[in-house]
Amino acid sequence: MEALGFLKLEVNGPMVTVALSVALLALLKWYSTSAFSRLEKLGLRHPKPSPFIGNLTFFRQGFWESQMELRKLYGPLCGYYLGRRMFIVISEPDMIKQVLVENFSNFTNRMPQSIMPNSRHHVASRGMWPGGRRLACYLHPFRMAEGIAEV
């Protein structure tokens, strides 16, 4: 302990409070910005996000207008953050076809989309992907006339 003799500090209440406050602020700063490096790691251009809310203020003029502005400023493949959640925007038809049809299994980490929220319809069909079952349950009422004609 003689080697560290120059570090003789008196530990008292205010000093501990200040040290814990600084540590808490550092952790809060890290948490508020730690998720915002994922788009840069993927090489996607995006607007600079604000801590905690991401690019929420970018969408002040409306969702579709902001999407068009994103495409103009950052190109057909870009991204943004809403809160800590990352979103990728693909606006070229060939890219969309490649993601949704050709390489569908490579893009599995998607936000669940619901056509009609709080629906209680269920379709028990084998061989369909889960989204297809969900879509089929909404399209089923449109085919009822065909089903009645066939019976």
N, C-alpha and C. Protein backbone atom coordinates (compact mmCIF):
# COMPACT_ATOMS: atom_id res chain seq x y z
N MET A 1 0.81 -1.19 0.00
CA MET A 1 0.00 0.00 0.00
C MET A 1 0.86 1.26 0.00
N GLU A 2 2.11 1.14 0.32
CA GLU A 2 2.99 2.30 0.32
C GLU A 2 3.17 2.86 -1.09
N ALA A 3 3.08 2.01 -2.10
CA ALA A 3 3.27 2.47 -3.47
C ALA A 3 2.16 3.42 -3.89
N LEU A 4 1.01 3.26 -3.32
CA LEU A 4 -0.13 4.11 -3.67
C LEU A 4 -0.40 5.15 -2.59
N GLY A 5 0.60 5.53 -1.87
CA GLY A 5 0.45 6.49 -0.79
C GLY A 5 0.00 7.86 -1.26
N PHE A 6 0.31 8.21 -2.51
CA PHE A 6 -0.09 9.52 -3.02
C PHE A 6 -1.59 9.62 -3.27
N LEU A 7 -2.30 8.50 -3.24
CA LEU A 7 -3.74 8.49 -3.48
C LEU A 7 -4.55 8.57 -2.19
N LYS A 8 -4.00 9.14 -1.18
CA LYS A 8 -4.72 9.23 0.09
C LYS A 8 -5.86 10.23 -0.08
N LEU A 9 -7.03 9.71 -0.24
CA LEU A 9 -8.23 10.54 -0.39
C LEU A 9 -9.17 10.26 0.75
N GLU A 10 -9.78 11.27 1.20
CA GLU A 10 -10.77 11.10 2.25
C GLU A 10 -12.12 10.87 1.58
N VAL A 11 -12.72 9.73 1.83
CA VAL A 11 -14.01 9.39 1.24
C VAL A 11 -15.10 9.90 2.16
N ASN A 12 -15.93 10.79 1.60
CA ASN A 12 -17.04 11.32 2.39
C ASN A 12 -18.30 11.28 1.53
N GLY A 13 -19.42 11.62 2.09
CA GLY A 13 -20.71 11.52 1.42
C GLY A 13 -20.81 12.28 0.12
N PRO A 14 -20.47 13.58 0.07
CA PRO A 14 -20.58 14.32 -1.19
C PRO A 14 -19.68 13.77 -2.29
N MET A 15 -18.51 13.30 -1.92
CA MET A 15 -17.60 12.76 -2.93
C MET A 15 -18.16 11.48 -3.55
N VAL A 16 -18.73 10.63 -2.74
CA VAL A 16 -19.34 9.39 -3.25
C VAL A 16 -20.53 9.73 -4.13
N THR A 17 -21.32 10.71 -3.73
CA THR A 17 -22.48 11.13 -4.52
C THR A 17 -22.06 11.65 -5.88
N VAL A 18 -21.04 12.46 -5.92
CA VAL A 18 -20.55 13.00 -7.20
C VAL A 18 -20.00 11.87 -8.07
N ALA A 19 -19.23 10.95 -7.49
CA ALA A 19 -18.66 9.84 -8.26
C ALA A 19 -19.77 8.95 -8.84
N LEU A 20 -20.77 8.64 -8.04
CA LEU A 20 -21.88 7.82 -8.54
C LEU A 20 -22.69 8.56 -9.60
N SER A 21 -22.86 9.86 -9.44
CA SER A 21 -23.59 10.65 -10.44
C SER A 21 -22.85 10.67 -11.77
N VAL A 22 -21.54 10.84 -11.74
CA VAL A 22 -20.74 10.83 -12.96
C VAL A 22 -20.82 9.46 -13.63
N ALA A 23 -20.73 8.39 -12.85
CA ALA A 23 -20.82 7.04 -13.40
C ALA A 23 -22.20 6.81 -14.01
N LEU A 24 -23.24 7.27 -13.35
CA LEU A 24 -24.59 7.11 -13.87
C LEU A 24 -24.78 7.89 -15.17
N LEU A 25 -24.28 9.11 -15.24
CA LEU A 25 -24.39 9.90 -16.46
C LEU A 25 -23.61 9.27 -17.61
N ALA A 26 -22.44 8.70 -17.31
CA ALA A 26 -21.66 8.02 -18.35
C ALA A 26 -22.40 6.80 -18.89
N LEU A 27 -23.01 6.01 -18.00
CA LEU A 27 -23.79 4.85 -18.44
C LEU A 27 -25.03 5.27 -19.22
N LEU A 28 -25.67 6.33 -18.82
CA LEU A 28 -26.84 6.85 -19.53
C LEU A 28 -26.47 7.32 -20.93
N LYS A 29 -25.35 8.01 -21.06
CA LYS A 29 -24.87 8.47 -22.37
C LYS A 29 -24.56 7.28 -23.26
N TRP A 30 -23.88 6.27 -22.71
CA TRP A 30 -23.55 5.07 -23.49
C TRP A 30 -24.81 4.36 -23.95
N TYR A 31 -25.79 4.18 -23.04
CA TYR A 31 -27.02 3.48 -23.39
C TYR A 31 -27.82 4.24 -24.46
N SER A 32 -27.84 5.55 -24.37
CA SER A 32 -28.66 6.34 -25.30
C SER A 32 -28.10 6.37 -26.71
N THR A 33 -26.82 6.05 -26.89
CA THR A 33 -26.23 6.11 -28.23
C THR A 33 -25.62 4.80 -28.69
N SER A 34 -25.62 3.76 -27.89
CA SER A 34 -24.92 2.53 -28.25
C SER A 34 -25.56 1.80 -29.43
N ALA A 35 -26.85 1.91 -29.62
CA ALA A 35 -27.52 1.19 -30.71
C ALA A 35 -27.38 1.91 -32.04
N PHE A 36 -26.87 3.12 -32.05
CA PHE A 36 -26.85 3.92 -33.26
C PHE A 36 -25.63 3.70 -34.15
N SER A 37 -24.88 2.65 -33.93
CA SER A 37 -23.72 2.39 -34.78
C SER A 37 -23.97 1.23 -35.75
N ARG A 38 -25.12 0.59 -35.66
CA ARG A 38 -25.37 -0.60 -36.48
C ARG A 38 -25.48 -0.27 -37.96
N LEU A 39 -26.14 0.83 -38.34
CA LEU A 39 -26.25 1.18 -39.76
C LEU A 39 -24.89 1.53 -40.35
N GLU A 40 -24.06 2.20 -39.58
CA GLU A 40 -22.72 2.52 -40.07
C GLU A 40 -21.90 1.26 -40.28
N LYS A 41 -22.06 0.27 -39.41
CA LYS A 41 -21.33 -0.99 -39.57
C LYS A 41 -21.78 -1.72 -40.83
N LEU A 42 -23.05 -1.54 -41.22
CA LEU A 42 -23.55 -2.16 -42.44
C LEU A 42 -23.20 -1.34 -43.69
N GLY A 43 -22.69 -0.15 -43.50
CA GLY A 43 -22.33 0.70 -44.63
C GLY A 43 -23.50 1.46 -45.22
N LEU A 44 -24.57 1.63 -44.46
CA LEU A 44 -25.76 2.33 -44.95
C LEU A 44 -25.74 3.78 -44.49
N ARG A 45 -26.09 4.67 -45.39
CA ARG A 45 -26.16 6.09 -45.05
C ARG A 45 -27.47 6.35 -44.30
N HIS A 46 -27.42 7.32 -43.37
CA HIS A 46 -28.60 7.63 -42.57
C HIS A 46 -28.45 8.99 -41.93
N PRO A 47 -29.57 9.62 -41.54
CA PRO A 47 -29.47 10.89 -40.81
C PRO A 47 -28.91 10.65 -39.40
N LYS A 48 -28.25 11.66 -38.87
CA LYS A 48 -27.65 11.54 -37.53
C LYS A 48 -28.76 11.44 -36.48
N PRO A 49 -28.79 10.35 -35.69
CA PRO A 49 -29.85 10.19 -34.69
C PRO A 49 -29.58 10.99 -33.41
N SER A 50 -30.65 11.36 -32.74
CA SER A 50 -30.56 12.01 -31.43
C SER A 50 -30.60 10.94 -30.34
N PRO A 51 -29.98 11.19 -29.19
CA PRO A 51 -30.02 10.19 -28.11
C PRO A 51 -31.46 9.87 -27.70
N PHE A 52 -31.71 8.62 -27.43
CA PHE A 52 -32.99 8.05 -26.98
C PHE A 52 -34.06 8.01 -28.07
N ILE A 53 -34.28 9.07 -28.83
CA ILE A 53 -35.40 9.09 -29.78
C ILE A 53 -34.99 8.75 -31.20
N GLY A 54 -33.71 8.68 -31.49
CA GLY A 54 -33.26 8.34 -32.84
C GLY A 54 -33.59 9.44 -33.82
N ASN A 55 -34.22 9.08 -34.95
CA ASN A 55 -34.57 10.04 -35.99
C ASN A 55 -36.05 10.41 -35.96
N LEU A 56 -36.66 10.35 -34.82
CA LEU A 56 -38.09 10.64 -34.70
C LEU A 56 -38.42 12.04 -35.18
N THR A 57 -37.56 13.01 -34.92
CA THR A 57 -37.84 14.39 -35.34
C THR A 57 -37.74 14.55 -36.86
N PHE A 58 -37.10 13.61 -37.55
CA PHE A 58 -37.01 13.66 -39.01
C PHE A 58 -38.38 13.49 -39.65
N PHE A 59 -39.30 12.84 -38.96
CA PHE A 59 -40.62 12.52 -39.51
C PHE A 59 -41.68 13.54 -39.11
N ARG A 60 -41.30 14.78 -38.85
CA ARG A 60 -42.25 15.81 -38.44
C ARG A 60 -43.25 16.16 -39.54
N GLN A 61 -42.81 16.20 -40.79
CA GLN A 61 -43.73 16.61 -41.85
C GLN A 61 -44.61 15.47 -42.35
N GLY A 62 -44.44 14.28 -41.86
CA GLY A 62 -45.27 13.15 -42.26
C GLY A 62 -44.41 11.98 -42.69
N PHE A 63 -44.98 10.81 -42.65
CA PHE A 63 -44.21 9.60 -42.92
C PHE A 63 -43.77 9.51 -44.38
N TRP A 64 -44.70 9.64 -45.33
CA TRP A 64 -44.37 9.45 -46.74
C TRP A 64 -43.46 10.55 -47.27
N GLU A 65 -43.71 11.78 -46.85
CA GLU A 65 -42.85 12.88 -47.29
C GLU A 65 -41.43 12.67 -46.79
N SER A 66 -41.30 12.20 -45.56
CA SER A 66 -39.98 11.94 -44.99
C SER A 66 -39.28 10.78 -45.69
N GLN A 67 -40.05 9.77 -46.09
CA GLN A 67 -39.46 8.65 -46.83
C GLN A 67 -38.89 9.13 -48.16
N MET A 68 -39.62 10.01 -48.85
CA MET A 68 -39.13 10.56 -50.12
C MET A 68 -37.88 11.41 -49.90
N GLU A 69 -37.87 12.18 -48.83
CA GLU A 69 -36.70 12.99 -48.52
C GLU A 69 -35.50 12.11 -48.18
N LEU A 70 -35.74 11.02 -47.46
CA LEU A 70 -34.66 10.06 -47.17
C LEU A 70 -34.06 9.54 -48.46
N ARG A 71 -34.91 9.19 -49.41
CA ARG A 71 -34.41 8.65 -50.68
C ARG A 71 -33.60 9.70 -51.44
N LYS A 72 -34.09 10.95 -51.44
CA LYS A 72 -33.35 12.00 -52.13
C LYS A 72 -31.99 12.27 -51.49
N LEU A 73 -31.95 12.32 -50.17
CA LEU A 73 -30.72 12.68 -49.47
C LEU A 73 -29.72 11.54 -49.35
N TYR A 74 -30.22 10.32 -49.13
CA TYR A 74 -29.32 9.21 -48.80
C TYR A 74 -29.32 8.07 -49.80
N GLY A 75 -30.11 8.16 -50.86
CA GLY A 75 -30.09 7.14 -51.90
C GLY A 75 -31.19 6.10 -51.73
N PRO A 76 -31.25 5.13 -52.68
CA PRO A 76 -32.32 4.13 -52.66
C PRO A 76 -32.20 3.09 -51.54
N LEU A 77 -31.03 2.96 -50.95
CA LEU A 77 -30.83 2.03 -49.83
C LEU A 77 -30.24 2.82 -48.68
N CYS A 78 -31.04 3.07 -47.66
CA CYS A 78 -30.61 3.87 -46.51
C CYS A 78 -31.31 3.35 -45.27
N GLY A 79 -31.14 4.02 -44.17
CA GLY A 79 -31.76 3.57 -42.94
C GLY A 79 -32.04 4.73 -42.00
N TYR A 80 -32.74 4.41 -40.93
CA TYR A 80 -33.03 5.39 -39.88
C TYR A 80 -33.33 4.63 -38.59
N TYR A 81 -33.38 5.37 -37.50
CA TYR A 81 -33.67 4.80 -36.18
C TYR A 81 -34.92 5.46 -35.62
N LEU A 82 -35.81 4.65 -35.09
CA LEU A 82 -36.93 5.15 -34.29
C LEU A 82 -36.71 4.59 -32.90
N GLY A 83 -36.35 5.47 -31.99
CA GLY A 83 -35.89 5.01 -30.69
C GLY A 83 -34.57 4.29 -30.89
N ARG A 84 -34.43 3.12 -30.33
CA ARG A 84 -33.21 2.33 -30.52
C ARG A 84 -33.36 1.31 -31.64
N ARG A 85 -34.51 1.26 -32.29
CA ARG A 85 -34.78 0.26 -33.33
C ARG A 85 -34.33 0.76 -34.69
N MET A 86 -33.62 -0.08 -35.41
CA MET A 86 -33.08 0.25 -36.71
C MET A 86 -34.06 -0.17 -37.81
N PHE A 87 -34.23 0.70 -38.81
CA PHE A 87 -35.06 0.40 -39.97
C PHE A 87 -34.24 0.63 -41.23
N ILE A 88 -34.38 -0.26 -42.19
CA ILE A 88 -33.69 -0.13 -43.47
C ILE A 88 -34.74 0.15 -44.54
N VAL A 89 -34.48 1.15 -45.37
CA VAL A 89 -35.39 1.55 -46.44
C VAL A 89 -34.81 1.07 -47.76
N ILE A 90 -35.60 0.28 -48.48
CA ILE A 90 -35.21 -0.19 -49.81
C ILE A 90 -36.25 0.37 -50.77
N SER A 91 -35.80 1.17 -51.75
CA SER A 91 -36.78 1.82 -52.62
C SER A 91 -36.57 1.54 -54.10
N GLU A 92 -35.80 0.54 -54.44
CA GLU A 92 -35.66 0.14 -55.84
C GLU A 92 -36.38 -1.18 -56.03
N PRO A 93 -37.23 -1.30 -57.07
CA PRO A 93 -38.01 -2.52 -57.28
C PRO A 93 -37.16 -3.79 -57.40
N ASP A 94 -36.01 -3.70 -58.06
CA ASP A 94 -35.17 -4.91 -58.20
C ASP A 94 -34.63 -5.37 -56.85
N MET A 95 -34.25 -4.44 -56.01
CA MET A 95 -33.77 -4.80 -54.67
C MET A 95 -34.90 -5.39 -53.83
N ILE A 96 -36.08 -4.80 -53.93
CA ILE A 96 -37.23 -5.30 -53.17
C ILE A 96 -37.56 -6.72 -53.59
N LYS A 97 -37.53 -6.99 -54.88
CA LYS A 97 -37.80 -8.35 -55.37
C LYS A 97 -36.74 -9.32 -54.84
N GLN A 98 -35.50 -8.89 -54.84
CA GLN A 98 -34.44 -9.77 -54.35
C GLN A 98 -34.62 -10.09 -52.87
N VAL A 99 -35.01 -9.10 -52.08
CA VAL A 99 -35.19 -9.31 -50.64
C VAL A 99 -36.43 -10.14 -50.36
N LEU A 100 -37.56 -9.82 -50.99
CA LEU A 100 -38.83 -10.47 -50.66
C LEU A 100 -39.03 -11.82 -51.34
N VAL A 101 -38.39 -12.04 -52.48
CA VAL A 101 -38.64 -13.28 -53.23
C VAL A 101 -37.41 -14.17 -53.28
N GLU A 102 -36.35 -13.66 -53.87
CA GLU A 102 -35.19 -14.51 -54.16
C GLU A 102 -34.40 -14.90 -52.91
N ASN A 103 -34.14 -13.96 -52.03
CA ASN A 103 -33.34 -14.24 -50.82
C ASN A 103 -34.15 -14.07 -49.56
N PHE A 104 -35.39 -14.51 -49.57
CA PHE A 104 -36.29 -14.31 -48.44
C PHE A 104 -35.74 -14.92 -47.15
N SER A 105 -35.14 -16.09 -47.23
CA SER A 105 -34.67 -16.77 -46.02
C SER A 105 -33.48 -16.05 -45.38
N ASN A 106 -32.78 -15.21 -46.12
CA ASN A 106 -31.64 -14.47 -45.56
C ASN A 106 -32.07 -13.23 -44.78
N PHE A 107 -33.31 -12.81 -44.94
CA PHE A 107 -33.79 -11.59 -44.29
C PHE A 107 -34.93 -11.95 -43.34
N THR A 108 -34.59 -12.64 -42.26
CA THR A 108 -35.62 -13.15 -41.36
C THR A 108 -35.92 -12.24 -40.19
N ASN A 109 -35.05 -11.31 -39.87
CA ASN A 109 -35.23 -10.48 -38.69
C ASN A 109 -36.09 -9.26 -39.04
N ARG A 110 -37.37 -9.48 -39.22
CA ARG A 110 -38.28 -8.42 -39.62
C ARG A 110 -39.24 -8.11 -38.50
N MET A 111 -39.73 -6.88 -38.52
CA MET A 111 -40.74 -6.47 -37.56
C MET A 111 -42.06 -7.13 -37.96
N PRO A 112 -42.79 -7.72 -37.02
CA PRO A 112 -44.06 -8.35 -37.39
C PRO A 112 -45.04 -7.32 -37.93
N GLN A 113 -45.60 -7.62 -39.08
CA GLN A 113 -46.56 -6.73 -39.71
C GLN A 113 -47.94 -7.36 -39.61
N SER A 114 -48.92 -6.58 -39.31
CA SER A 114 -50.28 -7.07 -39.23
C SER A 114 -51.14 -6.26 -40.19
N ILE A 115 -51.88 -6.93 -41.03
CA ILE A 115 -52.76 -6.23 -41.96
C ILE A 115 -53.94 -5.66 -41.20
N MET A 116 -54.55 -6.49 -40.37
CA MET A 116 -55.68 -6.05 -39.56
C MET A 116 -55.39 -6.40 -38.11
N PRO A 117 -55.03 -5.43 -37.29
CA PRO A 117 -54.72 -5.76 -35.90
C PRO A 117 -55.95 -6.25 -35.14
N ASN A 118 -55.71 -7.04 -34.12
CA ASN A 118 -56.73 -7.59 -33.24
C ASN A 118 -57.73 -8.50 -33.96
N SER A 119 -57.28 -9.13 -35.02
CA SER A 119 -58.17 -10.05 -35.73
C SER A 119 -58.18 -11.38 -35.01
N ARG A 120 -59.32 -12.05 -35.01
CA ARG A 120 -59.43 -13.34 -34.32
C ARG A 120 -59.56 -14.49 -35.31
N HIS A 121 -59.33 -14.21 -36.59
CA HIS A 121 -59.40 -15.27 -37.60
C HIS A 121 -58.12 -16.08 -37.58
N HIS A 122 -58.25 -17.37 -37.76
CA HIS A 122 -57.08 -18.24 -37.81
C HIS A 122 -57.25 -19.20 -38.97
N VAL A 123 -56.16 -19.43 -39.65
CA VAL A 123 -56.17 -20.39 -40.75
C VAL A 123 -55.15 -21.46 -40.39
N ALA A 124 -55.57 -22.69 -40.37
CA ALA A 124 -54.66 -23.79 -40.06
C ALA A 124 -54.34 -24.49 -41.36
N SER A 125 -53.35 -24.02 -42.05
CA SER A 125 -52.96 -24.65 -43.30
C SER A 125 -51.48 -24.98 -43.23
N ARG A 126 -51.12 -26.15 -43.67
CA ARG A 126 -49.73 -26.55 -43.66
C ARG A 126 -49.06 -26.15 -44.96
N GLY A 127 -47.76 -25.96 -44.91
CA GLY A 127 -47.01 -25.66 -46.11
C GLY A 127 -46.92 -24.17 -46.43
N MET A 128 -47.57 -23.32 -45.66
CA MET A 128 -47.48 -21.89 -45.90
C MET A 128 -46.55 -21.27 -44.88
N TRP A 129 -45.85 -20.25 -45.25
CA TRP A 129 -45.03 -19.51 -44.30
C TRP A 129 -45.97 -18.75 -43.37
N PRO A 130 -45.54 -18.43 -42.14
CA PRO A 130 -46.43 -17.82 -41.15
C PRO A 130 -47.11 -16.54 -41.65
N GLY A 131 -46.39 -15.71 -42.37
CA GLY A 131 -47.01 -14.50 -42.91
C GLY A 131 -48.08 -14.83 -43.93
N GLY A 132 -47.88 -15.92 -44.67
CA GLY A 132 -48.88 -16.34 -45.66
C GLY A 132 -50.16 -16.81 -45.00
N ARG A 133 -50.02 -17.50 -43.88
CA ARG A 133 -51.22 -17.91 -43.14
C ARG A 133 -51.98 -16.70 -42.64
N ARG A 134 -51.24 -15.71 -42.14
CA ARG A 134 -51.87 -14.51 -41.64
C ARG A 134 -52.56 -13.76 -42.78
N LEU A 135 -51.92 -13.70 -43.94
CA LEU A 135 -52.51 -13.04 -45.09
C LEU A 135 -53.71 -13.81 -45.60
N ALA A 136 -53.62 -15.14 -45.59
CA ALA A 136 -54.73 -15.95 -46.08
C ALA A 136 -55.99 -15.78 -45.24
N CYS A 137 -55.81 -15.58 -43.95
CA CYS A 137 -57.00 -15.42 -43.10
C CYS A 137 -57.72 -14.11 -43.41
N TYR A 138 -57.02 -13.12 -43.91
CA TYR A 138 -57.67 -11.86 -44.26
C TYR A 138 -58.27 -11.91 -45.66
N LEU A 139 -57.69 -12.71 -46.53
CA LEU A 139 -58.19 -12.82 -47.89
C LEU A 139 -59.35 -13.81 -47.99
N HIS A 140 -59.51 -14.66 -47.00
CA HIS A 140 -60.54 -15.68 -47.02
C HIS A 140 -61.95 -15.11 -47.22
N PRO A 141 -62.36 -14.04 -46.54
CA PRO A 141 -63.72 -13.53 -46.76
C PRO A 141 -63.99 -13.11 -48.20
N PHE A 142 -62.93 -12.72 -48.94
CA PHE A 142 -63.13 -12.30 -50.32
C PHE A 142 -63.40 -13.48 -51.24
N ARG A 143 -63.07 -14.70 -50.81
CA ARG A 143 -63.30 -15.88 -51.62
C ARG A 143 -64.57 -16.63 -51.20
N MET A 144 -65.34 -16.09 -50.29
CA MET A 144 -66.51 -16.79 -49.80
C MET A 144 -67.53 -17.06 -50.91
N ALA A 145 -67.70 -16.13 -51.81
CA ALA A 145 -68.66 -16.33 -52.90
C ALA A 145 -68.24 -17.52 -53.75
N GLU A 146 -66.95 -17.66 -54.02
CA GLU A 146 -66.47 -18.82 -54.79
C GLU A 146 -66.74 -20.11 -54.03
N GLY A 147 -66.47 -20.10 -52.72
CA GLY A 147 -66.66 -21.30 -51.91
C GLY A 147 -68.12 -21.71 -51.87
N ILE A 148 -69.05 -20.77 -51.78
CA ILE A 148 -70.47 -21.09 -51.75
C ILE A 148 -70.91 -21.61 -53.10
N ALA A 149 -70.37 -21.07 -54.18
CA ALA A 149 -70.74 -21.54 -55.51
C ALA A 149 -70.25 -22.95 -55.75
N GLU A 150 -69.09 -23.30 -55.18
CA GLU A 150 -68.54 -24.64 -55.37
C GLU A 150 -69.33 -25.68 -54.57
N VAL A 151 -69.92 -25.32 -53.46
CA VAL A 151 -70.66 -26.26 -52.61
C VAL A 151 -71.97 -26.53 -53.27
